[in-house]
Amino acid sequence: MDHRTPAPAPDRRRTARGRLPLVLALALLGGGCTGGVEGTPGAAGLRDPYFPGLGNGGYDVTHYGLELDVDPAADRLRGTATITARATQDLSAFHLDLAGLEVAGATVEGRPAAVNRAGRELTLRPASAVEDRLREGRTFTVVVRYSGSPETVTDPDGSKEGWLRTADGAVALGEPAGSMAWFPGNHHPSDKATYDIGITVPEGLAGISNGELVSRRTANGRTAYRWRTAEPMASYLATVAVGRFTTRESVTPDGIRLFTAVDPRSAAASADVLARIPEVLAWSAKRFGPYPFTSAGAIVERAGDSSYALETQNRPVFPGPPDTALLVHELAHQWFGNSVTPASWRDMWLNEGFATYAEWLWAADHEGVPVRESFEAAYADDANWAFPPAEPPTAAELSEPPVYGRGAMVVHRVRLAMNDDRAFFALVKGWTSAHRHANASTDDFTAHVEEETGQDLAALWDAWLYGGSRPPTGAGEP
């Protein structure tokens, strides 16, 4: 997971709290409504290949408005989530993903909604008076008030995500499912939305998030930060970092607003690498197409606050001072993963393979290391051949070497098959343009490549993307 680029290398628990109300149970089992809103309940889970319970059916979120009050000393979070969504079916009830936190109440279209909790599934049954707003194609608004001590979630691979306590606050990391630890939502990458996030913290601490800083005001010993992400974002890319940070704001020559937040203990060691952000963005744009967002930057925690870097949208989070290769990798994710987001977690190699290939390209352009050498080193590494990158055996293997190294080899084999660098980079730019701010699958990618090249590349996909063993050739020129 980088989701997970291990730093320093460049690269549930809750049980149901009560039985379902009888009328809701009948609706869930029978697919209808007893004297209430017409329609059927949205699905609890989208049947992702690795996280089948993640996400929810029946609606598409278009916007999250989050108001968070964080008290690190008391280890408490109070939140209000205002969720704007469009019904994709006639709904009688629907679900939100939320881990651990206590729900004080919820409304749908301003009317109190019945709330039932079962583990990480929050089921809302709207009042019958708002049934017209829950018909297919209509937009509706949900408000959920909640509080508690947010959970730290353990991933299938043993890494930690969700709400991570730090020496002076906390950092929220969401890949693949940790964002449900601090706000309710539709937490599958296929449902992207815009965000407004307000964070109120004790005076002297900062509350950092995605997008652009809209305002910062201090009163009565508390400071309120407001952030806006105007481009669609998958919830696993949302972040909050609370603590003491040295912050800096600037604008690149291309007009991209930069905001960096660095833990004072990491500031000196981070300065030179972070100063290269404009250079890396400009270089990436030449390779991959226009930068897909209006803001960029970085959040650098002190070493040990987390165990990996994460490509949180607009400003990646680093667990201590990054090196240049790691910066290149995480900024490449702004194109591959953040703008072009995987349709399901099976498609994660598209994120990591392209971000790893970006490291190879940077090494070729700036360090005199031909891509051929990077390819051959990856080819020789037995760890990259444990399984096909497009078919990790379990969720625990989603962040293993084949997804990164062999994923990058797939990209390079496409380049070799085309035998035309200009055409190859035009194809990559076409890919990031065609799926800008959207979702894409492995099948979308292979179809895109074959359509653009006019070639039948079934043998390439069989050997490099889906094959169970190392192909007989390691040729990687140029």
Protein backbone atom coordinates (compact mmCIF):
# COMPACT_ATOMS: atom_id res chain seq x y z
CA MET A 1 0.00 0.00 0.00
CA ASP A 2 1.48 3.58 -0.96
CA HIS A 3 0.31 3.46 -0.74
CA ARG A 4 2.66 1.68 0.48
CA THR A 5 6.04 2.79 -0.43
CA PRO A 6 7.97 1.73 2.65
CA ALA A 7 9.87 4.57 4.07
CA PRO A 8 13.02 4.79 3.78
CA ALA A 9 13.14 2.86 0.51
CA PRO A 10 11.86 4.56 -2.57
CA ASP A 11 10.30 2.49 -3.39
CA ARG A 12 -13.73 -5.80 12.49
CA ARG A 13 -13.56 -5.48 15.66
CA ARG A 14 -17.00 -4.15 16.58
CA THR A 15 -20.09 -6.29 16.90
CA ALA A 16 -23.67 -5.29 16.17
CA ARG A 17 -25.06 -2.93 18.79
CA GLY A 18 -28.62 -4.17 18.54
CA ARG A 19 -31.08 -5.92 16.34
CA LEU A 20 -32.51 -4.27 13.27
CA PRO A 21 -35.86 -2.60 13.82
CA LEU A 22 -38.53 -4.97 12.52
CA VAL A 23 -39.70 -2.69 9.70
CA LEU A 24 -36.12 -2.21 8.48
CA ALA A 25 -35.38 -5.91 8.74
CA LEU A 26 -38.44 -6.64 6.60
CA ALA A 27 -37.31 -4.08 4.04
CA LEU A 28 -33.79 -5.48 3.94
CA LEU A 29 -35.01 -9.03 3.57
CA GLY A 30 -37.99 -8.42 1.36
CA GLY A 31 -36.67 -5.67 -0.87
CA GLY A 32 -39.67 -3.46 -0.21
CA CYS A 33 -41.04 -0.91 2.22
CA THR A 34 -43.75 -1.35 4.84
CA GLY A 35 -45.70 1.90 4.92
CA GLY A 36 -42.66 4.09 4.25
CA VAL A 37 -40.36 5.18 1.50
CA GLU A 38 -40.87 3.27 -1.74
CA GLY A 39 -37.92 1.48 -3.23
CA THR A 40 -35.35 -1.01 -2.03
CA PRO A 41 -32.32 -0.73 0.26
CA GLY A 42 -28.96 0.07 -1.27
CA ALA A 43 -26.42 -2.73 -1.10
CA ALA A 44 -24.13 -3.00 1.91
CA GLY A 45 -20.85 -3.46 0.05
CA LEU A 46 -19.80 -3.30 -3.59
CA ARG A 47 -18.23 -6.76 -3.80
CA ASP A 48 -14.73 -5.50 -4.39
CA PRO A 49 -12.50 -8.51 -5.15
CA TYR A 50 -10.44 -7.91 -2.00
CA PHE A 51 -12.76 -5.90 0.25
CA PRO A 52 -16.29 -7.09 -0.63
CA GLY A 53 -17.94 -5.17 2.23
CA LEU A 54 -16.30 -1.86 1.35
CA GLY A 55 -18.48 0.85 -0.15
CA ASN A 56 -22.24 0.89 -0.59
CA GLY A 57 -24.75 0.65 -3.39
CA GLY A 58 -27.76 2.71 -4.37
CA TYR A 59 -26.19 6.15 -4.41
CA ASP A 60 -23.21 8.15 -5.61
CA VAL A 61 -21.65 10.76 -3.32
CA THR A 62 -20.91 14.08 -5.02
CA HIS A 63 -19.67 16.11 -2.04
CA TYR A 64 -18.51 15.72 1.55
CA GLY A 65 -18.66 18.64 3.97
CA LEU A 66 -16.75 17.61 7.11
CA GLU A 67 -16.54 19.66 10.29
CA LEU A 68 -14.02 18.14 12.68
CA ASP A 69 -13.15 19.27 16.20
CA VAL A 70 -9.98 17.49 17.34
CA ASP A 71 -8.67 17.37 20.91
CA PRO A 72 -5.41 15.39 20.82
CA ALA A 73 -4.85 15.59 24.58
CA ALA A 74 -8.18 13.91 25.26
CA ASP A 75 -7.90 11.68 22.18
CA ARG A 76 -11.33 12.83 21.04
CA LEU A 77 -12.88 13.74 17.73
CA ARG A 78 -16.27 15.39 17.29
CA GLY A 79 -17.53 15.51 13.74
CA THR A 80 -20.43 16.49 11.55
CA ALA A 81 -20.53 15.03 8.05
CA THR A 82 -22.82 16.64 5.48
CA ILE A 83 -23.00 14.29 2.51
CA THR A 84 -24.58 15.22 -0.80
CA ALA A 85 -25.44 12.21 -2.96
CA ARG A 86 -27.42 11.19 -6.01
CA ALA A 87 -29.66 8.13 -5.81
CA THR A 88 -28.88 5.49 -8.42
CA GLN A 89 -32.04 3.55 -7.58
CA ASP A 90 -35.25 4.19 -5.67
CA LEU A 91 -34.04 3.92 -2.08
CA SER A 92 -35.88 2.82 1.03
CA ALA A 93 -32.66 2.68 3.10
CA PHE A 94 -28.93 3.01 2.51
CA HIS A 95 -25.59 2.37 4.18
CA LEU A 96 -22.51 4.34 5.19
CA ASP A 97 -19.14 2.90 6.19
CA LEU A 98 -18.03 4.02 9.66
CA ALA A 99 -15.62 2.34 12.07
CA GLY A 100 -15.85 2.70 15.82
CA LEU A 101 -17.17 6.23 16.36
CA GLU A 102 -20.47 6.80 18.15
CA VAL A 103 -23.33 8.31 16.14
CA ALA A 104 -25.42 10.91 17.94
CA GLY A 105 -27.99 11.23 15.17
CA ALA A 106 -28.60 11.64 11.46
CA THR A 107 -30.97 13.46 9.14
CA VAL A 108 -31.89 12.97 5.49
CA GLU A 109 -33.17 16.09 3.74
CA GLY A 110 -33.45 17.77 7.13
CA ARG A 111 -35.70 15.09 8.63
CA PRO A 112 -34.52 12.70 11.39
CA ALA A 113 -33.57 9.30 10.01
CA ALA A 114 -33.62 5.98 11.83
CA VAL A 115 -30.05 4.79 12.41
CA ASN A 116 -28.89 1.24 13.00
CA ARG A 117 -25.31 0.16 13.64
CA ALA A 118 -23.87 -3.27 12.81
CA GLY A 119 -20.09 -3.33 13.03
CA ARG A 120 -18.75 -0.95 10.38
CA GLU A 121 -22.09 -0.63 8.58
CA LEU A 122 -24.29 2.34 9.43
CA THR A 123 -27.82 1.86 8.05
CA LEU A 124 -30.05 4.92 7.61
CA ARG A 125 -33.77 4.66 7.03
CA PRO A 126 -35.13 8.05 5.94
CA ALA A 127 -38.50 9.41 6.97
CA SER A 128 -41.29 8.65 4.52
CA ALA A 129 -41.83 12.40 4.05
CA VAL A 130 -38.65 12.62 1.95
CA GLU A 131 -39.30 9.62 -0.30
CA ASP A 132 -39.46 11.75 -3.45
CA ARG A 133 -35.88 12.92 -2.82
CA LEU A 134 -34.69 9.30 -2.76
CA ARG A 135 -35.94 8.29 -6.16
CA GLU A 136 -33.43 7.31 -8.82
CA GLY A 137 -31.61 10.29 -10.25
CA ARG A 138 -32.54 12.70 -7.45
CA THR A 139 -30.02 14.43 -5.20
CA PHE A 140 -30.35 14.28 -1.42
CA THR A 141 -28.41 15.48 1.63
CA VAL A 142 -27.44 13.45 4.68
CA VAL A 143 -26.09 14.90 7.94
CA VAL A 144 -24.43 12.61 10.49
CA ARG A 145 -23.22 13.79 13.90
CA TYR A 146 -20.63 11.57 15.58
CA SER A 147 -17.83 11.55 18.14
CA GLY A 148 -15.35 9.36 19.96
CA SER A 149 -11.78 8.14 19.97
CA PRO A 150 -10.99 7.23 16.34
CA GLU A 151 -9.68 3.76 15.59
CA THR A 152 -6.30 2.74 14.28
CA VAL A 153 -7.08 0.07 11.69
CA THR A 154 -4.81 -2.90 11.00
CA ASP A 155 -4.65 -3.83 7.33
CA PRO A 156 -4.57 -7.42 6.05
CA ASP A 157 -0.81 -6.97 5.51
CA GLY A 158 -0.33 -5.87 9.13
CA SER A 159 0.30 -2.19 8.44
CA LYS A 160 -1.56 0.51 10.35
CA GLU A 161 -3.96 3.06 8.91
CA GLY A 162 -7.00 5.02 9.96
CA TRP A 163 -6.27 7.45 12.80
CA LEU A 164 -2.61 7.25 13.85
CA ARG A 165 -1.58 9.01 17.04
CA THR A 166 1.60 11.07 16.85
CA ALA A 167 3.73 12.74 19.51
CA ASP A 168 1.84 16.02 19.15
CA GLY A 169 -1.43 15.07 17.45
CA ALA A 170 -2.55 12.59 14.80
CA VAL A 171 -2.39 11.77 11.12
CA ALA A 172 -5.20 10.08 9.18
CA LEU A 173 -4.21 7.64 6.41
CA GLY A 174 -6.87 5.86 4.42
CA GLU A 175 -5.61 3.24 2.01
CA PRO A 176 -7.48 1.03 1.51
CA ALA A 177 -10.21 1.45 4.15
CA GLY A 178 -8.88 3.66 6.95
CA SER A 179 -10.87 6.80 6.17
CA MET A 180 -13.97 5.19 7.70
CA ALA A 181 -12.18 5.61 11.05
CA TRP A 182 -12.76 9.38 10.98
CA PHE A 183 -15.79 10.08 8.82
CA PRO A 184 -18.83 8.17 7.51
CA GLY A 185 -19.10 7.70 3.78
CA ASN A 186 -19.04 5.48 0.74
CA HIS A 187 -15.48 4.29 1.19
CA HIS A 188 -14.73 2.53 -2.08
CA PRO A 189 -12.39 4.11 -4.65
CA SER A 190 -15.08 3.96 -7.33
CA ASP A 191 -17.10 6.70 -5.59
CA LYS A 192 -15.18 9.97 -5.86
CA ALA A 193 -16.40 13.32 -4.58
CA THR A 194 -15.37 16.89 -3.85
CA TYR A 195 -14.59 17.92 -0.27
CA ASP A 196 -14.78 20.82 2.15
CA ILE A 197 -13.01 19.96 5.39
CA GLY A 198 -12.98 22.15 8.47
CA ILE A 199 -10.56 21.22 11.27
CA THR A 200 -10.62 22.95 14.65
CA VAL A 201 -7.62 22.28 16.91
CA PRO A 202 -6.06 23.77 20.06
CA GLU A 203 -4.24 27.04 19.41
CA GLY A 204 -0.60 26.34 18.59
CA LEU A 205 -1.40 23.23 16.57
CA ALA A 206 -2.15 23.07 12.85
CA GLY A 207 -4.92 21.16 11.10
CA ILE A 208 -3.73 20.19 7.60
CA SER A 209 -5.79 18.49 4.90
CA ASN A 210 -6.15 18.16 1.13
CA GLY A 211 -6.71 20.83 -1.48
CA GLU A 212 -6.41 24.56 -0.91
CA LEU A 213 -6.42 26.42 2.38
CA VAL A 214 -9.51 28.64 2.36
CA SER A 215 -9.18 30.24 5.79
CA ARG A 216 -7.46 30.04 9.16
CA ARG A 217 -8.92 31.77 12.21
CA THR A 218 -8.07 31.66 15.92
CA ALA A 219 -10.52 32.50 18.72
CA ASN A 220 -10.94 31.43 22.33
CA GLY A 221 -7.86 29.24 22.30
CA ARG A 222 -8.87 27.24 19.22
CA THR A 223 -7.79 27.57 15.60
CA ALA A 224 -10.12 26.62 12.74
CA TYR A 225 -8.64 25.62 9.36
CA ARG A 226 -10.83 25.26 6.29
CA TRP A 227 -9.72 23.27 3.23
CA ARG A 228 -11.38 22.77 -0.15
CA THR A 229 -10.76 20.04 -2.70
CA ALA A 230 -12.60 21.07 -5.85
CA GLU A 231 -11.53 18.09 -7.96
CA PRO A 232 -13.02 14.64 -7.29
CA MET A 233 -11.16 12.56 -4.71
CA ALA A 234 -11.49 8.95 -3.57
CA SER A 235 -11.97 8.81 0.18
CA TYR A 236 -8.83 6.74 0.74
CA LEU A 237 -6.83 9.76 -0.46
CA ALA A 238 -8.33 12.15 2.09
CA THR A 239 -6.10 13.06 5.02
CA VAL A 240 -5.96 15.09 8.21
CA ALA A 241 -2.71 15.89 10.00
CA VAL A 242 -2.83 17.57 13.40
CA GLY A 243 0.30 18.71 15.17
CA ARG A 244 3.05 21.30 15.24
CA PHE A 245 4.16 22.01 11.68
CA THR A 246 6.33 24.48 9.87
CA THR A 247 4.20 25.53 6.91
CA ARG A 248 5.07 27.25 3.67
CA GLU A 249 2.89 28.53 0.84
CA SER A 250 3.99 29.47 -2.68
CA VAL A 251 2.97 29.22 -6.33
CA THR A 252 4.84 27.35 -9.07
CA PRO A 253 5.69 29.02 -12.40
CA ASP A 254 2.77 27.03 -13.85
CA GLY A 255 0.34 28.56 -11.34
CA ILE A 256 -0.02 25.53 -9.05
CA ARG A 257 -0.51 26.53 -5.42
CA LEU A 258 1.97 24.78 -3.13
CA PHE A 259 1.44 24.14 0.57
CA THR A 260 3.96 22.15 2.61
CA ALA A 261 3.66 21.24 6.28
CA VAL A 262 6.73 19.77 7.96
CA ASP A 263 7.27 18.59 11.50
CA PRO A 264 10.03 20.87 12.91
CA ARG A 265 12.20 17.82 13.65
CA SER A 266 12.09 16.86 9.96
CA ALA A 267 12.36 20.36 8.50
CA ALA A 268 16.11 20.69 7.94
CA ALA A 269 16.51 17.24 6.40
CA SER A 270 13.47 17.76 4.13
CA ALA A 271 14.23 21.22 2.79
CA ASP A 272 16.34 20.35 -0.26
CA VAL A 273 14.03 17.59 -1.51
CA LEU A 274 10.81 19.58 -0.98
CA ALA A 275 12.34 22.51 -2.84
CA ARG A 276 12.30 20.24 -5.92
CA ILE A 277 8.51 19.84 -5.95
CA PRO A 278 8.02 22.45 -8.73
CA GLU A 279 10.77 20.80 -10.78
CA VAL A 280 9.31 17.32 -10.34
CA LEU A 281 5.80 18.53 -11.23
CA ALA A 282 7.02 20.26 -14.38
CA TRP A 283 9.03 17.20 -15.45
CA SER A 284 6.06 14.90 -14.72
CA ALA A 285 3.72 17.09 -16.77
CA LYS A 286 6.00 16.70 -19.80
CA ARG A 287 5.90 12.94 -19.40
CA PHE A 288 2.32 12.31 -18.28
CA GLY A 289 0.26 15.32 -19.32
CA PRO A 290 -0.96 18.44 -17.51
CA TYR A 291 -0.97 18.33 -13.72
CA PRO A 292 -4.55 17.33 -12.85
CA PHE A 293 -5.03 19.54 -9.77
CA THR A 294 -4.78 23.18 -8.76
CA SER A 295 -2.68 22.60 -5.65
CA ALA A 296 0.22 20.41 -4.55
CA GLY A 297 2.72 20.04 -1.74
CA ALA A 298 3.63 17.62 1.02
CA ILE A 299 3.09 16.72 4.65
CA VAL A 300 6.23 15.47 6.38
CA GLU A 301 5.80 13.90 9.80
CA ARG A 302 8.60 12.99 12.14
CA ALA A 303 10.17 9.58 11.62
CA GLY A 304 8.11 6.85 13.23
CA ASP A 305 4.71 8.58 13.09
CA SER A 306 3.77 6.07 10.38
CA SER A 307 5.66 3.30 8.60
CA TYR A 308 5.02 4.25 4.98
CA ALA A 309 4.45 7.13 2.59
CA LEU A 310 0.99 7.66 1.13
CA GLU A 311 -0.06 9.58 -1.99
CA THR A 312 -2.83 11.55 -0.30
CA GLN A 313 -4.34 13.87 -2.89
CA ASN A 314 -2.54 17.17 -3.56
CA ARG A 315 0.01 16.64 -0.77
CA PRO A 316 1.47 13.21 -0.02
CA VAL A 317 2.26 12.24 3.56
CA PHE A 318 5.83 11.18 4.31
CA PRO A 319 6.97 9.40 7.50
CA GLY A 320 10.08 11.53 7.91
CA PRO A 321 12.22 13.34 5.33
CA PRO A 322 11.79 11.78 1.86
CA ASP A 323 14.48 11.26 -0.73
CA THR A 324 13.99 12.43 -4.31
CA ALA A 325 12.95 9.03 -5.68
CA LEU A 326 10.18 8.74 -3.11
CA LEU A 327 9.02 12.28 -3.87
CA VAL A 328 8.91 11.45 -7.59
CA HIS A 329 6.93 8.28 -6.85
CA GLU A 330 4.31 9.97 -4.68
CA LEU A 331 3.88 12.96 -7.00
CA ALA A 332 3.46 10.59 -9.96
CA HIS A 333 0.51 9.14 -8.08
CA GLN A 334 -1.29 12.45 -8.51
CA TRP A 335 -1.76 11.33 -12.12
CA PHE A 336 -1.82 7.56 -11.52
CA GLY A 337 -4.16 6.72 -8.66
CA ASN A 338 -5.44 10.13 -7.65
CA SER A 339 -6.72 11.53 -10.94
CA VAL A 340 -7.00 8.17 -12.72
CA THR A 341 -8.29 6.12 -9.80
CA PRO A 342 -8.61 2.32 -9.81
CA ALA A 343 -12.08 0.96 -10.42
CA SER A 344 -11.43 -1.69 -7.77
CA TRP A 345 -8.50 -2.70 -5.57
CA ARG A 346 -7.60 -5.37 -8.12
CA ASP A 347 -6.42 -2.53 -10.36
CA MET A 348 -3.90 -1.15 -7.87
CA TRP A 349 -0.96 -2.18 -10.07
CA LEU A 350 -1.98 0.67 -12.39
CA ASN A 351 -1.20 3.08 -9.56
CA GLU A 352 2.02 1.50 -8.36
CA GLY A 353 3.36 0.26 -11.68
CA PHE A 354 3.20 3.71 -13.25
CA ALA A 355 4.56 5.44 -10.12
CA THR A 356 7.48 3.01 -10.03
CA TYR A 357 8.06 3.54 -13.74
CA ALA A 358 8.17 7.28 -13.05
CA GLU A 359 11.12 6.58 -10.73
CA TRP A 360 12.86 4.74 -13.56
CA LEU A 361 12.24 7.61 -15.96
CA TRP A 362 13.54 10.16 -13.45
CA ALA A 363 16.69 8.09 -12.85
CA ALA A 364 17.25 7.95 -16.60
CA ASP A 365 16.75 11.70 -17.10
CA HIS A 366 18.58 12.96 -13.99
CA GLU A 367 20.93 10.28 -12.69
CA GLY A 368 22.33 8.62 -15.78
CA VAL A 369 20.65 5.27 -15.09
CA PRO A 370 19.05 3.97 -18.31
CA VAL A 371 15.53 2.58 -17.99
CA ARG A 372 16.97 -0.65 -19.35
CA GLU A 373 19.08 -1.05 -16.19
CA SER A 374 16.13 -0.41 -13.90
CA PHE A 375 14.06 -2.91 -15.87
CA GLU A 376 16.77 -5.57 -15.75
CA ALA A 377 17.26 -5.11 -12.01
CA ALA A 378 13.53 -5.58 -11.48
CA TYR A 379 13.51 -8.57 -13.82
CA ALA A 380 16.31 -10.23 -11.85
CA ASP A 381 14.57 -9.70 -8.49
CA ASP A 382 12.80 -12.93 -7.56
CA ALA A 383 10.40 -11.03 -5.29
CA ASN A 384 8.75 -9.47 -8.36
CA TRP A 385 7.66 -12.88 -9.62
CA ALA A 386 5.71 -14.13 -6.62
CA PHE A 387 2.39 -13.58 -8.44
CA PRO A 388 0.94 -11.66 -11.42
CA PRO A 389 0.56 -7.93 -10.67
CA ALA A 390 -3.06 -7.87 -11.83
CA GLU A 391 -4.00 -10.84 -9.64
CA PRO A 392 -2.58 -10.64 -6.10
CA PRO A 393 -3.68 -13.80 -4.25
CA THR A 394 -5.18 -11.96 -1.26
CA ALA A 395 -5.64 -8.46 0.14
CA ALA A 396 -2.48 -8.98 2.18
CA GLU A 397 -0.42 -9.05 -1.03
CA LEU A 398 -1.77 -5.81 -2.54
CA SER A 399 1.40 -3.95 -1.53
CA GLU A 400 3.92 -6.64 -2.33
CA PRO A 401 6.77 -6.21 -4.88
CA PRO A 402 5.00 -7.63 -7.98
CA VAL A 403 2.40 -4.83 -7.84
CA TYR A 404 5.24 -2.27 -7.98
CA GLY A 405 8.21 -3.78 -9.82
CA ARG A 406 6.45 -6.15 -12.17
CA GLY A 407 3.76 -3.51 -12.70
CA ALA A 408 6.48 -1.14 -13.93
CA MET A 409 7.83 -3.91 -16.18
CA VAL A 410 4.39 -4.20 -17.82
CA VAL A 411 4.49 -0.50 -18.63
CA HIS A 412 7.98 -0.83 -20.10
CA ARG A 413 7.02 -3.87 -22.19
CA VAL A 414 4.26 -1.73 -23.73
CA ARG A 415 6.89 0.86 -24.58
CA LEU A 416 9.09 -1.77 -26.19
CA ALA A 417 6.18 -3.21 -28.15
CA MET A 418 5.44 0.22 -29.57
CA ASN A 419 9.11 0.82 -30.47
CA ASP A 420 8.41 4.55 -30.68
CA ASP A 421 9.02 6.73 -27.64
CA ARG A 422 7.06 9.68 -28.98
CA ALA A 423 4.04 7.46 -29.58
CA PHE A 424 4.45 5.77 -26.19
CA PHE A 425 4.38 9.02 -24.20
CA ALA A 426 1.48 10.24 -26.33
CA LEU A 427 -0.35 7.05 -25.35
CA VAL A 428 0.38 7.69 -21.64
CA LYS A 429 -0.86 11.27 -21.92
CA GLY A 430 -3.93 10.01 -23.72
CA TRP A 431 -4.58 7.57 -20.87
CA THR A 432 -4.37 10.26 -18.17
CA SER A 433 -6.55 12.56 -20.28
CA ALA A 434 -9.23 10.00 -21.13
CA HIS A 435 -9.74 9.04 -17.47
CA ARG A 436 -8.93 12.36 -15.80
CA HIS A 437 -10.76 12.61 -12.44
CA ALA A 438 -12.44 9.27 -13.12
CA ASN A 439 -11.97 5.55 -12.49
CA ALA A 440 -10.34 2.96 -14.72
CA SER A 441 -9.74 -0.78 -14.64
CA THR A 442 -7.06 -3.07 -15.97
CA ASP A 443 -9.37 -3.99 -18.85
CA ASP A 444 -9.76 -0.29 -19.63
CA PHE A 445 -5.99 0.04 -19.81
CA THR A 446 -5.33 -2.96 -22.03
CA ALA A 447 -8.16 -1.88 -24.35
CA HIS A 448 -6.73 1.66 -24.47
CA VAL A 449 -3.28 0.40 -25.40
CA GLU A 450 -4.53 -1.94 -28.10
CA GLU A 451 -6.85 0.67 -29.58
CA GLU A 452 -4.11 3.32 -29.68
CA THR A 453 -1.42 1.01 -31.04
CA GLY A 454 -3.60 -1.06 -33.35
CA GLN A 455 -1.80 -4.15 -32.04
CA ASP A 456 -3.09 -7.38 -30.58
CA LEU A 457 -1.01 -7.57 -27.38
CA ALA A 458 -2.61 -10.67 -25.87
CA ALA A 459 0.78 -12.39 -25.63
CA LEU A 460 2.24 -9.42 -23.74
CA TRP A 461 -0.63 -9.35 -21.24
CA ASP A 462 -0.53 -13.12 -20.78
CA ALA A 463 3.20 -13.15 -20.08
CA TRP A 464 3.81 -9.95 -18.13
CA LEU A 465 0.50 -8.98 -16.56
CA TYR A 466 -1.17 -12.31 -15.87
CA GLY A 467 1.56 -14.93 -16.29
CA GLY A 468 2.50 -17.13 -13.38
CA SER A 469 6.21 -17.36 -14.14
CA ARG A 470 9.07 -15.22 -15.37
CA PRO A 471 9.01 -14.80 -19.16
CA PRO A 472 12.11 -16.19 -20.89
CA THR A 473 13.47 -12.82 -22.02
CA GLY A 474 14.78 -10.01 -19.87
CA ALA A 475 15.46 -7.62 -22.73
CA GLY A 476 14.73 -4.09 -21.59
CA GLU A 477 16.19 -1.67 -24.07
CA PRO A 478 16.31 1.22 -24.50
